[in-house]
């Protein structure tokens, strides 16, 4: 993430996302594996997050020519609903749910 301190609001959003990713542990939420420390902690504007591998997001999946079976669609919707239930049970409301923010991980074995 480049330019994390250019705008205060942008920095707050990034910090909030990092805090939430560190706390929310669920099989259908991407895992924050590590945060790479900057070489100069006093003067940096880029943060590198190491996340669990996700080959696609829902936007790319929708735009692809991949044909999904009804069973695969059911699995995607089920996992999305489970994830949203978990997030909401933690008293978190996601304000930017869109296909590009829904990741499809390698371990998602129903979609190839």
C-alpha atoms as a PDB file:
ATOM      1  CA  UNK A   1       0.000   0.000   0.000  1.00  0.00           C
ATOM      2  CA  UNK A   2       1.675   3.156  -1.216  1.00  0.00           C
ATOM      3  CA  UNK A   3       1.219   6.644   0.194  1.00  0.00           C
ATOM      4  CA  UNK A   4      -0.304   5.478   3.450  1.00  0.00           C
ATOM      5  CA  UNK A   5       0.292   8.801   5.184  1.00  0.00           C
ATOM      6  CA  UNK A   6      -0.630  11.231   2.399  1.00  0.00           C
ATOM      7  CA  UNK A   7      -4.128  11.658   3.791  1.00  0.00           C
ATOM      8  CA  UNK A   8      -5.098  11.155   7.414  1.00  0.00           C
ATOM      9  CA  UNK A   9      -8.393   9.460   6.524  1.00  0.00           C
ATOM     10  CA  UNK A  10      -6.591   7.028   4.189  1.00  0.00           C
ATOM     11  CA  UNK A  11      -4.099   6.133   6.942  1.00  0.00           C
ATOM     12  CA  UNK A  12      -6.937   5.565   9.412  1.00  0.00           C
ATOM     13  CA  UNK A  13      -8.727   3.235   6.976  1.00  0.00           C
ATOM     14  CA  UNK A  14      -5.563   1.220   6.381  1.00  0.00           C
ATOM     15  CA  UNK A  15      -4.869   0.943  10.107  1.00  0.00           C
ATOM     16  CA  UNK A  16      -8.479  -0.135  10.728  1.00  0.00           C
ATOM     17  CA  UNK A  17      -8.228  -2.792   8.020  1.00  0.00           C
ATOM     18  CA  UNK A  18      -4.964  -4.135   9.456  1.00  0.00           C
ATOM     19  CA  UNK A  19      -6.417  -4.300  12.976  1.00  0.00           C
ATOM     20  CA  UNK A  20      -9.528  -6.104  11.732  1.00  0.00           C
ATOM     21  CA  UNK A  21      -7.574  -8.581   9.626  1.00  0.00           C
ATOM     22  CA  UNK A  22      -5.379  -9.418  12.614  1.00  0.00           C
ATOM     23  CA  UNK A  23      -8.423 -10.055  14.822  1.00  0.00           C
ATOM     24  CA  UNK A  24     -10.833 -11.749  12.412  1.00  0.00           C
ATOM     25  CA  UNK A  25      -9.812 -15.361  12.109  1.00  0.00           C
ATOM     26  CA  UNK A  26     -12.257 -17.362  10.012  1.00  0.00           C
ATOM     27  CA  UNK A  27     -11.824 -19.973   7.329  1.00  0.00           C
ATOM     28  CA  UNK A  28     -13.539 -17.735   4.748  1.00  0.00           C
ATOM     29  CA  UNK A  29     -11.682 -14.502   5.551  1.00  0.00           C
ATOM     30  CA  UNK A  30      -8.292 -13.934   3.972  1.00  0.00           C
ATOM     31  CA  UNK A  31      -5.534 -14.412   6.529  1.00  0.00           C
ATOM     32  CA  UNK A  32      -3.063 -11.629   7.261  1.00  0.00           C
ATOM     33  CA  UNK A  33       0.164 -13.587   7.522  1.00  0.00           C
ATOM     34  CA  UNK A  34       2.663 -10.816   8.143  1.00  0.00           C
ATOM     35  CA  UNK A  35       3.397  -7.116   7.921  1.00  0.00           C
ATOM     36  CA  UNK A  36       6.849  -6.427   6.531  1.00  0.00           C
ATOM     37  CA  UNK A  37       8.590  -3.855   8.664  1.00  0.00           C
ATOM     38  CA  UNK A  38       9.977  -0.833   6.811  1.00  0.00           C
ATOM     39  CA  UNK A  39      13.740  -0.496   6.572  1.00  0.00           C
ATOM     40  CA  UNK A  40      13.468   3.070   7.917  1.00  0.00           C
ATOM     41  CA  UNK A  41      10.668   3.147  10.542  1.00  0.00           C
ATOM     42  CA  UNK A  42      11.020   6.926  10.982  1.00  0.00           C
ATOM     43  CA  UNK A  43      10.473   7.762   7.305  1.00  0.00           C
ATOM     44  CA  UNK A  44       8.266   5.495   5.208  1.00  0.00           C
ATOM     45  CA  UNK A  45       5.050   5.762   3.225  1.00  0.00           C
ATOM     46  CA  UNK A  46       4.547   2.191   2.008  1.00  0.00           C
ATOM     47  CA  UNK A  47       3.222  -0.775   3.971  1.00  0.00           C
ATOM     48  CA  UNK A  48       3.598  -4.325   2.703  1.00  0.00           C
ATOM     49  CA  UNK A  49       1.036  -6.842   3.888  1.00  0.00           C
ATOM     50  CA  UNK A  50       1.551 -10.558   3.303  1.00  0.00           C
ATOM     51  CA  UNK A  51      -1.859 -12.134   2.796  1.00  0.00           C
ATOM     52  CA  UNK A  52      -3.032 -15.653   2.182  1.00  0.00           C
ATOM     53  CA  UNK A  53      -2.893 -16.432  -1.540  1.00  0.00           C
ATOM     54  CA  UNK A  54      -6.098 -15.735  -3.449  1.00  0.00           C
ATOM     55  CA  UNK A  55      -5.895 -16.265  -7.189  1.00  0.00           C
ATOM     56  CA  UNK A  56      -8.978 -14.267  -8.098  1.00  0.00           C
ATOM     57  CA  UNK A  57     -11.565 -11.939  -6.810  1.00  0.00           C
ATOM     58  CA  UNK A  58     -15.254 -12.223  -7.592  1.00  0.00           C
ATOM     59  CA  UNK A  59     -15.035  -9.419 -10.169  1.00  0.00           C
ATOM     60  CA  UNK A  60     -12.430 -11.325 -12.187  1.00  0.00           C
ATOM     61  CA  UNK A  61     -14.457 -14.498 -11.839  1.00  0.00           C
ATOM     62  CA  UNK A  62     -17.616 -12.785 -13.133  1.00  0.00           C
ATOM     63  CA  UNK A  63     -15.736 -11.241 -16.062  1.00  0.00           C
ATOM     64  CA  UNK A  64     -14.046 -14.501 -17.024  1.00  0.00           C
ATOM     65  CA  UNK A  65     -15.483 -16.970 -19.479  1.00  0.00           C
ATOM     66  CA  UNK A  66     -15.521 -19.641 -16.773  1.00  0.00           C
ATOM     67  CA  UNK A  67     -18.808 -21.509 -16.540  1.00  0.00           C
ATOM     68  CA  UNK A  68     -19.934 -22.167 -12.986  1.00  0.00           C
ATOM     69  CA  UNK A  69     -22.312 -24.946 -12.156  1.00  0.00           C
ATOM     70  CA  UNK A  70     -25.284 -24.316  -9.910  1.00  0.00           C
ATOM     71  CA  UNK A  71     -23.502 -26.306  -7.195  1.00  0.00           C
ATOM     72  CA  UNK A  72     -20.411 -24.060  -7.427  1.00  0.00           C
ATOM     73  CA  UNK A  73     -22.579 -20.947  -7.213  1.00  0.00           C
ATOM     74  CA  UNK A  74     -24.308 -22.363  -4.142  1.00  0.00           C
ATOM     75  CA  UNK A  75     -20.929 -22.991  -2.492  1.00  0.00           C
ATOM     76  CA  UNK A  76     -19.769 -19.427  -3.227  1.00  0.00           C
ATOM     77  CA  UNK A  77     -22.978 -17.909  -1.861  1.00  0.00           C
ATOM     78  CA  UNK A  78     -22.913 -20.165   1.214  1.00  0.00           C
ATOM     79  CA  UNK A  79     -19.314 -19.239   2.045  1.00  0.00           C
ATOM     80  CA  UNK A  80     -20.031 -15.552   1.486  1.00  0.00           C
ATOM     81  CA  UNK A  81     -23.045 -15.674   3.797  1.00  0.00           C
ATOM     82  CA  UNK A  82     -21.068 -17.566   6.479  1.00  0.00           C
ATOM     83  CA  UNK A  83     -18.346 -14.934   6.283  1.00  0.00           C
ATOM     84  CA  UNK A  84     -20.807 -12.051   6.524  1.00  0.00           C
ATOM     85  CA  UNK A  85     -22.554 -13.668   9.498  1.00  0.00           C
ATOM     86  CA  UNK A  86     -19.190 -13.993  11.251  1.00  0.00           C
ATOM     87  CA  UNK A  87     -18.254 -10.379  10.510  1.00  0.00           C
ATOM     88  CA  UNK A  88     -21.632  -9.088  11.668  1.00  0.00           C
ATOM     89  CA  UNK A  89     -21.469 -11.208  14.841  1.00  0.00           C
ATOM     90  CA  UNK A  90     -18.231  -9.347  15.625  1.00  0.00           C
ATOM     91  CA  UNK A  91     -20.252  -6.094  15.384  1.00  0.00           C
ATOM     92  CA  UNK A  92     -18.518  -5.071  12.168  1.00  0.00           C
ATOM     93  CA  UNK A  93     -20.384  -3.649   9.203  1.00  0.00           C
ATOM     94  CA  UNK A  94     -18.532  -3.865   5.900  1.00  0.00           C
ATOM     95  CA  UNK A  95     -19.342  -0.703   3.948  1.00  0.00           C
ATOM     96  CA  UNK A  96     -17.692  -1.665   0.685  1.00  0.00           C
ATOM     97  CA  UNK A  97     -18.973  -5.090  -0.300  1.00  0.00           C
ATOM     98  CA  UNK A  98     -18.402  -5.424  -4.019  1.00  0.00           C
ATOM     99  CA  UNK A  99     -17.134  -8.216  -6.257  1.00  0.00           C
ATOM    100  CA  UNK A 100     -13.552  -6.879  -6.306  1.00  0.00           C
ATOM    101  CA  UNK A 101     -13.429  -7.170  -2.483  1.00  0.00           C
ATOM    102  CA  UNK A 102     -14.514 -10.809  -2.408  1.00  0.00           C
ATOM    103  CA  UNK A 103     -11.444 -12.990  -2.829  1.00  0.00           C
ATOM    104  CA  UNK A 104     -11.482 -16.516  -4.219  1.00  0.00           C
ATOM    105  CA  UNK A 105      -8.623 -18.450  -2.605  1.00  0.00           C
ATOM    106  CA  UNK A 106      -6.663 -21.361  -4.046  1.00  0.00           C
ATOM    107  CA  UNK A 107      -8.179 -23.588  -1.399  1.00  0.00           C
ATOM    108  CA  UNK A 108     -11.601 -22.930  -2.886  1.00  0.00           C
ATOM    109  CA  UNK A 109     -11.710 -26.344  -4.523  1.00  0.00           C
ATOM    110  CA  UNK A 110     -15.181 -26.041  -6.027  1.00  0.00           C
ATOM    111  CA  UNK A 111     -14.106 -23.431  -8.600  1.00  0.00           C
ATOM    112  CA  UNK A 112     -11.251 -24.302 -10.970  1.00  0.00           C
END
